[in-house]
Amino acid sequence: MGRLVSSLCLKNRFSGQTFSLIVEQGPIEDRSAPGFFSCFVLNKSTTVPWF
């Protein structure tokens, strides 16, 4: 299976500035990796459930 890359165009409601968030789906992991997320960025080492 190849990697799936998605791009989201987001807009800051306070400043009106827009930016792109690029998300790359890697291979399905056998175990979850706990971690933290910021308001804008996914953590590179934390797993996200695939629904």
Foldseek 3Di string as FASTA:
>chain_A
DDKDKDKDWDADPVPRDIDIDIDIDDDDDPDFDDDDDDPPDDDPRGDDDDD
